[in-house]
Amino acid sequence: MATLLLRFLLKAALAFLAVSVLWVGVYRFVPPPVTFTMLGDVIGGHGITKDWMSLSEMDPDMARAAIAGEDSRFCAHHGFDFRAIGNAALRNAKGGRIRGGSTISQQTAKNAFLFQGGGYVRKAFEAYFTVLIEALWPKRRIMEVYLNIAETGIGTYGANAGSIRYFHHDASRLSASEAGRIAAVLPLPKKRAAISPTGFVRRHGNTLSRRVATVRDQGLDACLR
């Protein structure tokens, strides 16, 4: 009985490995048609709006704003920024607003292949898929997928759809200010809006807008050029 169970578990593990590698390999070239988060919106009664735009078409300030706000060492790490994780843990231990240390690669893995929540089990799968996309995708592809499937408002997915929703033009013509506002929404898209932002979103969006030039001038987006 134990031998049969071990064989089953081994076959299941090998099947999962094969399917996951194939899945990630396909998304290297094909835009993800839907994600579990999108399906959750549909089940919850919300429509979804998305409009894929390649990174080469998108204004580069959008990626720079995302790097400034979410992952300043995106081009330097291989999926995990242990320095940021450690700093986040120290800040959280002191109390106040909880901050995460997830990289853009980790967020892309979660958004493309997994669901929100799920605790440590989901985090373990997130780490696995992060390793896979870092191994099989170039950094440009990771950023491209991230900026096209990240939620930018309730039922709105991707920077391009967000730009059309908030600013009435596509993401090829984003200003640094507009890119900063969209990036400021990314951590809590269901509670923030990029149009007429107030409080933290306004302050953070303005900060990210100023940091766009720093990202460009310091070459923090070098892996995307």
C-alpha atoms as a PDB file:
ATOM      1  CA  MET A   1       0.000   0.000   0.000  1.00  0.00           C
ATOM      2  CA  ALA A   2       2.757   2.414   0.956  1.00  0.00           C
ATOM      3  CA  THR A   3       4.656   1.584  -2.243  1.00  0.00           C
ATOM      4  CA  LEU A   4       1.586   2.273  -4.369  1.00  0.00           C
ATOM      5  CA  LEU A   5       1.062   5.591  -2.598  1.00  0.00           C
ATOM      6  CA  LEU A   6       4.689   6.601  -3.179  1.00  0.00           C
ATOM      7  CA  ARG A   7       4.413   5.689  -6.855  1.00  0.00           C
ATOM      8  CA  PHE A   8       1.235   7.740  -7.174  1.00  0.00           C
ATOM      9  CA  LEU A   9       2.832  10.732  -5.476  1.00  0.00           C
ATOM     10  CA  LEU A  10       5.920  10.450  -7.671  1.00  0.00           C
ATOM     11  CA  LYS A  11       3.825  10.293 -10.833  1.00  0.00           C
ATOM     12  CA  ALA A  12       1.725  13.236  -9.651  1.00  0.00           C
ATOM     13  CA  ALA A  13       4.863  15.268  -8.925  1.00  0.00           C
ATOM     14  CA  LEU A  14       6.355  14.470 -12.329  1.00  0.00           C
ATOM     15  CA  ALA A  15       3.070  15.332 -14.057  1.00  0.00           C
ATOM     16  CA  PHE A  16       2.885  18.659 -12.220  1.00  0.00           C
ATOM     17  CA  LEU A  17       6.499  19.409 -13.143  1.00  0.00           C
ATOM     18  CA  ALA A  18       5.869  18.666 -16.819  1.00  0.00           C
ATOM     19  CA  VAL A  19       2.624  20.656 -16.976  1.00  0.00           C
ATOM     20  CA  SER A  20       4.042  23.642 -15.120  1.00  0.00           C
ATOM     21  CA  VAL A  21       7.163  23.836 -17.303  1.00  0.00           C
ATOM     22  CA  LEU A  22       5.003  23.586 -20.444  1.00  0.00           C
ATOM     23  CA  TRP A  23       2.594  26.226 -19.080  1.00  0.00           C
ATOM     24  CA  VAL A  24       5.412  28.667 -18.338  1.00  0.00           C
ATOM     25  CA  GLY A  25       7.006  27.874 -21.698  1.00  0.00           C
ATOM     26  CA  VAL A  26       3.807  28.694 -23.575  1.00  0.00           C
ATOM     27  CA  TYR A  27       3.374  32.008 -21.729  1.00  0.00           C
ATOM     28  CA  ARG A  28       6.896  32.924 -22.809  1.00  0.00           C
ATOM     29  CA  PHE A  29       5.358  33.609 -26.217  1.00  0.00           C
ATOM     30  CA  VAL A  30       1.565  33.717 -25.741  1.00  0.00           C
ATOM     31  CA  PRO A  31      -0.247  36.353 -23.662  1.00  0.00           C
ATOM     32  CA  PRO A  32      -2.045  34.750 -20.695  1.00  0.00           C
ATOM     33  CA  PRO A  33      -5.693  34.670 -21.837  1.00  0.00           C
ATOM     34  CA  VAL A  34      -7.124  34.773 -18.299  1.00  0.00           C
ATOM     35  CA  THR A  35      -5.914  34.486 -14.717  1.00  0.00           C
ATOM     36  CA  PHE A  36      -7.455  33.100 -11.535  1.00  0.00           C
ATOM     37  CA  THR A  37      -7.805  36.663 -10.222  1.00  0.00           C
ATOM     38  CA  MET A  38      -9.751  37.644 -13.339  1.00  0.00           C
ATOM     39  CA  LEU A  39     -11.985  34.597 -12.944  1.00  0.00           C
ATOM     40  CA  GLY A  40     -12.623  35.651  -9.360  1.00  0.00           C
ATOM     41  CA  ASP A  41     -13.884  39.015 -10.589  1.00  0.00           C
ATOM     42  CA  VAL A  42     -16.171  37.316 -13.105  1.00  0.00           C
ATOM     43  CA  ILE A  43     -17.566  34.950 -10.462  1.00  0.00           C
ATOM     44  CA  GLY A  44     -18.017  37.910  -8.138  1.00  0.00           C
ATOM     45  CA  GLY A  45     -20.206  39.644 -10.687  1.00  0.00           C
ATOM     46  CA  HIS A  46     -17.640  42.114 -12.023  1.00  0.00           C
ATOM     47  CA  GLY A  47     -16.778  42.357 -15.664  1.00  0.00           C
ATOM     48  CA  ILE A  48     -13.113  42.440 -16.648  1.00  0.00           C
ATOM     49  CA  THR A  49     -11.368  44.868 -18.957  1.00  0.00           C
ATOM     50  CA  LYS A  50      -7.943  44.132 -20.401  1.00  0.00           C
ATOM     51  CA  ASP A  51      -6.086  45.260 -23.500  1.00  0.00           C
ATOM     52  CA  TRP A  52      -2.684  43.653 -24.076  1.00  0.00           C
ATOM     53  CA  MET A  53       0.115  45.971 -25.193  1.00  0.00           C
ATOM     54  CA  SER A  54       3.667  44.820 -25.888  1.00  0.00           C
ATOM     55  CA  LEU A  55       6.447  46.350 -23.833  1.00  0.00           C
ATOM     56  CA  SER A  56       7.976  47.822 -26.989  1.00  0.00           C
ATOM     57  CA  GLU A  57       4.748  49.758 -27.650  1.00  0.00           C
ATOM     58  CA  MET A  58       4.234  50.873 -24.044  1.00  0.00           C
ATOM     59  CA  ASP A  59       5.810  54.097 -22.864  1.00  0.00           C
ATOM     60  CA  PRO A  60       9.036  53.103 -21.058  1.00  0.00           C
ATOM     61  CA  ASP A  61       8.138  55.333 -18.122  1.00  0.00           C
ATOM     62  CA  MET A  62       5.471  52.797 -17.118  1.00  0.00           C
ATOM     63  CA  ALA A  63       8.056  50.085 -16.515  1.00  0.00           C
ATOM     64  CA  ARG A  64      10.317  52.610 -14.799  1.00  0.00           C
ATOM     65  CA  ALA A  65       7.505  53.658 -12.464  1.00  0.00           C
ATOM     66  CA  ALA A  66       6.815  49.995 -11.637  1.00  0.00           C
ATOM     67  CA  ILE A  67      10.502  49.449 -10.857  1.00  0.00           C
ATOM     68  CA  ALA A  68      10.545  52.595  -8.720  1.00  0.00           C
ATOM     69  CA  GLY A  69       7.487  51.551  -6.767  1.00  0.00           C
ATOM     70  CA  GLU A  70       7.648  47.785  -6.602  1.00  0.00           C
ATOM     71  CA  ASP A  71      11.155  46.469  -7.188  1.00  0.00           C
ATOM     72  CA  SER A  72      14.140  48.815  -7.552  1.00  0.00           C
ATOM     73  CA  ARG A  73      16.538  45.877  -8.002  1.00  0.00           C
ATOM     74  CA  PHE A  74      14.435  44.121 -10.647  1.00  0.00           C
ATOM     75  CA  CYS A  75      17.293  44.035 -13.160  1.00  0.00           C
ATOM     76  CA  ALA A  76      19.842  42.902 -10.563  1.00  0.00           C
ATOM     77  CA  HIS A  77      18.189  39.957  -8.824  1.00  0.00           C
ATOM     78  CA  HIS A  78      17.169  36.514 -10.076  1.00  0.00           C
ATOM     79  CA  GLY A  79      13.626  36.531  -8.789  1.00  0.00           C
ATOM     80  CA  PHE A  80      14.098  37.149  -5.065  1.00  0.00           C
ATOM     81  CA  ASP A  81      15.426  40.296  -3.421  1.00  0.00           C
ATOM     82  CA  PHE A  82      16.538  39.042  -0.029  1.00  0.00           C
ATOM     83  CA  ARG A  83      17.693  42.516   0.968  1.00  0.00           C
ATOM     84  CA  ALA A  84      14.175  43.895   0.398  1.00  0.00           C
ATOM     85  CA  ILE A  85      12.610  40.925   2.206  1.00  0.00           C
ATOM     86  CA  GLY A  86      14.845  41.533   5.223  1.00  0.00           C
ATOM     87  CA  ASN A  87      14.139  45.269   5.244  1.00  0.00           C
ATOM     88  CA  ALA A  88      10.396  44.637   5.000  1.00  0.00           C
ATOM     89  CA  ALA A  89      10.551  42.217   7.924  1.00  0.00           C
ATOM     90  CA  LEU A  90      12.361  44.813  10.048  1.00  0.00           C
ATOM     91  CA  ARG A  91       9.851  47.547   9.183  1.00  0.00           C
ATOM     92  CA  ASN A  92       6.899  45.273   9.876  1.00  0.00           C
ATOM     93  CA  ALA A  93       8.360  44.288  13.248  1.00  0.00           C
ATOM     94  CA  LYS A  94       8.299  47.967  14.220  1.00  0.00           C
ATOM     95  CA  GLY A  95       4.565  48.180  13.495  1.00  0.00           C
ATOM     96  CA  GLY A  96       2.662  50.522  11.220  1.00  0.00           C
ATOM     97  CA  ARG A  97       1.630  49.824   7.652  1.00  0.00           C
ATOM     98  CA  ILE A  98       2.558  46.269   6.642  1.00  0.00           C
ATOM     99  CA  ARG A  99       4.986  46.136   3.729  1.00  0.00           C
ATOM    100  CA  GLY A 100       5.878  43.169   1.584  1.00  0.00           C
ATOM    101  CA  GLY A 101       9.195  42.253   0.018  1.00  0.00           C
ATOM    102  CA  SER A 102       7.853  40.570  -3.108  1.00  0.00           C
ATOM    103  CA  THR A 103       9.644  41.297  -6.353  1.00  0.00           C
ATOM    104  CA  ILE A 104       7.988  41.979  -9.684  1.00  0.00           C
ATOM    105  CA  SER A 105       9.008  38.455 -10.684  1.00  0.00           C
ATOM    106  CA  GLN A 106       7.193  36.987  -7.668  1.00  0.00           C
ATOM    107  CA  GLN A 107       4.121  39.098  -8.317  1.00  0.00           C
ATOM    108  CA  THR A 108       4.114  38.035 -11.974  1.00  0.00           C
ATOM    109  CA  ALA A 109       4.343  34.370 -10.964  1.00  0.00           C
ATOM    110  CA  LYS A 110       1.429  34.801  -8.561  1.00  0.00           C
ATOM    111  CA  ASN A 111      -0.723  36.805 -10.967  1.00  0.00           C
ATOM    112  CA  ALA A 112      -0.134  34.577 -13.995  1.00  0.00           C
ATOM    113  CA  PHE A 113      -0.282  31.110 -12.465  1.00  0.00           C
ATOM    114  CA  LEU A 114      -1.843  31.271  -8.994  1.00  0.00           C
ATOM    115  CA  PHE A 115      -4.557  32.911  -6.943  1.00  0.00           C
ATOM    116  CA  GLN A 116      -4.581  35.603  -4.271  1.00  0.00           C
ATOM    117  CA  GLY A 117      -4.282  34.545  -0.633  1.00  0.00           C
ATOM    118  CA  GLY A 118      -3.545  30.951   0.281  1.00  0.00           C
ATOM    119  CA  GLY A 119      -0.908  31.536   2.941  1.00  0.00           C
ATOM    120  CA  TYR A 120       2.348  29.598   3.019  1.00  0.00           C
ATOM    121  CA  VAL A 121       1.217  26.938   0.552  1.00  0.00           C
ATOM    122  CA  ARG A 122       0.535  29.542  -2.122  1.00  0.00           C
ATOM    123  CA  LYS A 123       3.826  31.278  -1.302  1.00  0.00           C
ATOM    124  CA  ALA A 124       5.674  28.004  -1.846  1.00  0.00           C
ATOM    125  CA  PHE A 125       4.115  27.573  -5.291  1.00  0.00           C
ATOM    126  CA  GLU A 126       4.806  31.246  -5.990  1.00  0.00           C
ATOM    127  CA  ALA A 127       8.499  30.658  -5.267  1.00  0.00           C
ATOM    128  CA  TYR A 128       8.499  27.640  -7.587  1.00  0.00           C
ATOM    129  CA  PHE A 129       6.920  29.549 -10.476  1.00  0.00           C
ATOM    130  CA  THR A 130       9.233  32.493  -9.829  1.00  0.00           C
ATOM    131  CA  VAL A 131      12.225  30.218 -10.348  1.00  0.00           C
ATOM    132  CA  LEU A 132      10.652  28.885 -13.549  1.00  0.00           C
ATOM    133  CA  ILE A 133       9.899  32.244 -15.140  1.00  0.00           C
ATOM    134  CA  GLU A 134      13.329  33.599 -14.234  1.00  0.00           C
ATOM    135  CA  ALA A 135      14.868  30.534 -15.892  1.00  0.00           C
ATOM    136  CA  LEU A 136      12.647  30.457 -18.997  1.00  0.00           C
ATOM    137  CA  TRP A 137      11.737  34.095 -19.619  1.00  0.00           C
ATOM    138  CA  PRO A 138      13.946  37.130 -20.209  1.00  0.00           C
ATOM    139  CA  LYS A 139      13.423  40.085 -17.891  1.00  0.00           C
ATOM    140  CA  ARG A 140      11.610  41.992 -20.634  1.00  0.00           C
ATOM    141  CA  ARG A 141       8.996  39.234 -20.834  1.00  0.00           C
ATOM    142  CA  ILE A 142       8.525  39.182 -17.069  1.00  0.00           C
ATOM    143  CA  MET A 143       7.902  42.931 -17.049  1.00  0.00           C
ATOM    144  CA  GLU A 144       5.672  42.719 -20.122  1.00  0.00           C
ATOM    145  CA  VAL A 145       3.431  40.059 -18.575  1.00  0.00           C
ATOM    146  CA  TYR A 146       3.387  41.886 -15.236  1.00  0.00           C
ATOM    147  CA  LEU A 147       2.292  45.179 -16.781  1.00  0.00           C
ATOM    148  CA  ASN A 148      -0.440  43.451 -18.765  1.00  0.00           C
ATOM    149  CA  ILE A 149      -2.082  41.257 -16.116  1.00  0.00           C
ATOM    150  CA  ALA A 150      -1.566  43.205 -12.886  1.00  0.00           C
ATOM    151  CA  GLU A 151      -4.846  44.625 -11.614  1.00  0.00           C
ATOM    152  CA  THR A 152      -5.000  48.408 -12.032  1.00  0.00           C
ATOM    153  CA  GLY A 153      -8.524  48.895 -10.716  1.00  0.00           C
ATOM    154  CA  ILE A 154     -11.614  46.840  -9.944  1.00  0.00           C
ATOM    155  CA  GLY A 155     -12.074  44.623 -12.976  1.00  0.00           C
ATOM    156  CA  THR A 156      -9.308  46.436 -14.881  1.00  0.00           C
ATOM    157  CA  TYR A 157      -6.149  44.539 -15.782  1.00  0.00           C
ATOM    158  CA  GLY A 158      -2.931  45.871 -17.216  1.00  0.00           C
ATOM    159  CA  ALA A 159      -1.341  49.280 -17.592  1.00  0.00           C
ATOM    160  CA  ASN A 160      -2.904  49.840 -20.994  1.00  0.00           C
ATOM    161  CA  ALA A 161      -6.453  49.172 -19.807  1.00  0.00           C
ATOM    162  CA  GLY A 162      -5.715  51.302 -16.746  1.00  0.00           C
ATOM    163  CA  SER A 163      -4.438  54.164 -18.891  1.00  0.00           C
ATOM    164  CA  ILE A 164      -7.555  54.055 -21.057  1.00  0.00           C
ATOM    165  CA  ARG A 165      -9.791  53.929 -17.968  1.00  0.00           C
ATOM    166  CA  TYR A 166      -8.139  56.753 -16.085  1.00  0.00           C
ATOM    167  CA  PHE A 167      -6.615  59.008 -18.739  1.00  0.00           C
ATOM    168  CA  HIS A 168      -8.602  58.175 -21.898  1.00  0.00           C
ATOM    169  CA  HIS A 169      -5.588  57.295 -24.006  1.00  0.00           C
ATOM    170  CA  ASP A 170      -3.497  54.167 -24.368  1.00  0.00           C
ATOM    171  CA  ALA A 171      -0.267  53.395 -22.519  1.00  0.00           C
ATOM    172  CA  SER A 172       1.953  54.338 -25.446  1.00  0.00           C
ATOM    173  CA  ARG A 173       1.466  58.004 -24.511  1.00  0.00           C
ATOM    174  CA  LEU A 174       1.763  57.884 -20.726  1.00  0.00           C
ATOM    175  CA  SER A 175       3.458  60.794 -19.028  1.00  0.00           C
ATOM    176  CA  ALA A 176       5.741  60.185 -16.052  1.00  0.00           C
ATOM    177  CA  SER A 177       2.999  61.548 -13.805  1.00  0.00           C
ATOM    178  CA  GLU A 178       0.377  59.197 -15.214  1.00  0.00           C
ATOM    179  CA  ALA A 179       2.720  56.207 -15.038  1.00  0.00           C
ATOM    180  CA  GLY A 180       3.460  57.074 -11.408  1.00  0.00           C
ATOM    181  CA  ARG A 181      -0.248  57.182 -10.584  1.00  0.00           C
ATOM    182  CA  ILE A 182      -0.887  53.763 -12.126  1.00  0.00           C
ATOM    183  CA  ALA A 183       2.135  52.318 -10.293  1.00  0.00           C
ATOM    184  CA  ALA A 184       0.814  53.773  -7.024  1.00  0.00           C
ATOM    185  CA  VAL A 185      -2.430  51.831  -7.526  1.00  0.00           C
ATOM    186  CA  LEU A 186      -0.760  48.454  -8.105  1.00  0.00           C
ATOM    187  CA  PRO A 187      -0.330  47.339  -4.470  1.00  0.00           C
ATOM    188  CA  LEU A 188      -4.049  47.818  -3.617  1.00  0.00           C
ATOM    189  CA  PRO A 189      -5.960  48.145  -6.906  1.00  0.00           C
ATOM    190  CA  LYS A 190      -9.399  47.486  -5.413  1.00  0.00           C
ATOM    191  CA  LYS A 191      -9.024  50.348  -2.929  1.00  0.00           C
ATOM    192  CA  ARG A 192      -7.154  52.958  -4.980  1.00  0.00           C
ATOM    193  CA  ALA A 193      -7.796  54.947  -8.144  1.00  0.00           C
ATOM    194  CA  ALA A 194      -5.283  56.740 -10.373  1.00  0.00           C
ATOM    195  CA  ILE A 195      -7.689  59.459 -11.431  1.00  0.00           C
ATOM    196  CA  SER A 196      -8.124  62.363  -8.987  1.00  0.00           C
ATOM    197  CA  PRO A 197      -6.042  60.514  -6.365  1.00  0.00           C
ATOM    198  CA  THR A 198      -6.019  61.724  -2.785  1.00  0.00           C
ATOM    199  CA  GLY A 199      -3.966  61.052   0.339  1.00  0.00           C
ATOM    200  CA  PHE A 200      -1.380  58.305   0.084  1.00  0.00           C
ATOM    201  CA  VAL A 201      -2.057  57.566  -3.594  1.00  0.00           C
ATOM    202  CA  ARG A 202      -1.435  61.190  -4.578  1.00  0.00           C
ATOM    203  CA  ARG A 203       1.732  61.468  -2.487  1.00  0.00           C
ATOM    204  CA  HIS A 204       3.084  58.097  -3.547  1.00  0.00           C
ATOM    205  CA  GLY A 205       2.193  58.673  -7.200  1.00  0.00           C
ATOM    206  CA  ASN A 206       4.027  62.008  -7.181  1.00  0.00           C
ATOM    207  CA  THR A 207       7.047  60.358  -5.562  1.00  0.00           C
ATOM    208  CA  LEU A 208       7.119  57.609  -8.179  1.00  0.00           C
ATOM    209  CA  SER A 209       6.808  60.190 -10.953  1.00  0.00           C
ATOM    210  CA  ARG A 210       9.954  61.878  -9.696  1.00  0.00           C
ATOM    211  CA  ARG A 211      11.757  58.543  -9.349  1.00  0.00           C
ATOM    212  CA  VAL A 212      11.129  57.641 -12.994  1.00  0.00           C
ATOM    213  CA  ALA A 213      14.048  59.840 -14.040  1.00  0.00           C
ATOM    214  CA  THR A 214      16.262  58.254 -11.372  1.00  0.00           C
ATOM    215  CA  VAL A 215      15.475  54.758 -12.655  1.00  0.00           C
ATOM    216  CA  ARG A 216      16.344  55.871 -16.185  1.00  0.00           C
ATOM    217  CA  ASP A 217      19.486  57.823 -15.296  1.00  0.00           C
ATOM    218  CA  GLN A 218      20.894  55.148 -12.977  1.00  0.00           C
ATOM    219  CA  GLY A 219      20.191  52.360 -15.455  1.00  0.00           C
ATOM    220  CA  LEU A 220      17.906  50.477 -13.093  1.00  0.00           C
ATOM    221  CA  ASP A 221      15.865  49.494 -16.157  1.00  0.00           C
ATOM    222  CA  ALA A 222      18.907  48.387 -18.181  1.00  0.00           C
ATOM    223  CA  CYS A 223      17.607  44.833 -18.596  1.00  0.00           C
ATOM    224  CA  LEU A 224      14.561  46.196 -20.429  1.00  0.00           C
ATOM    225  CA  ARG A 225      16.413  48.228 -23.044  1.00  0.00           C
END
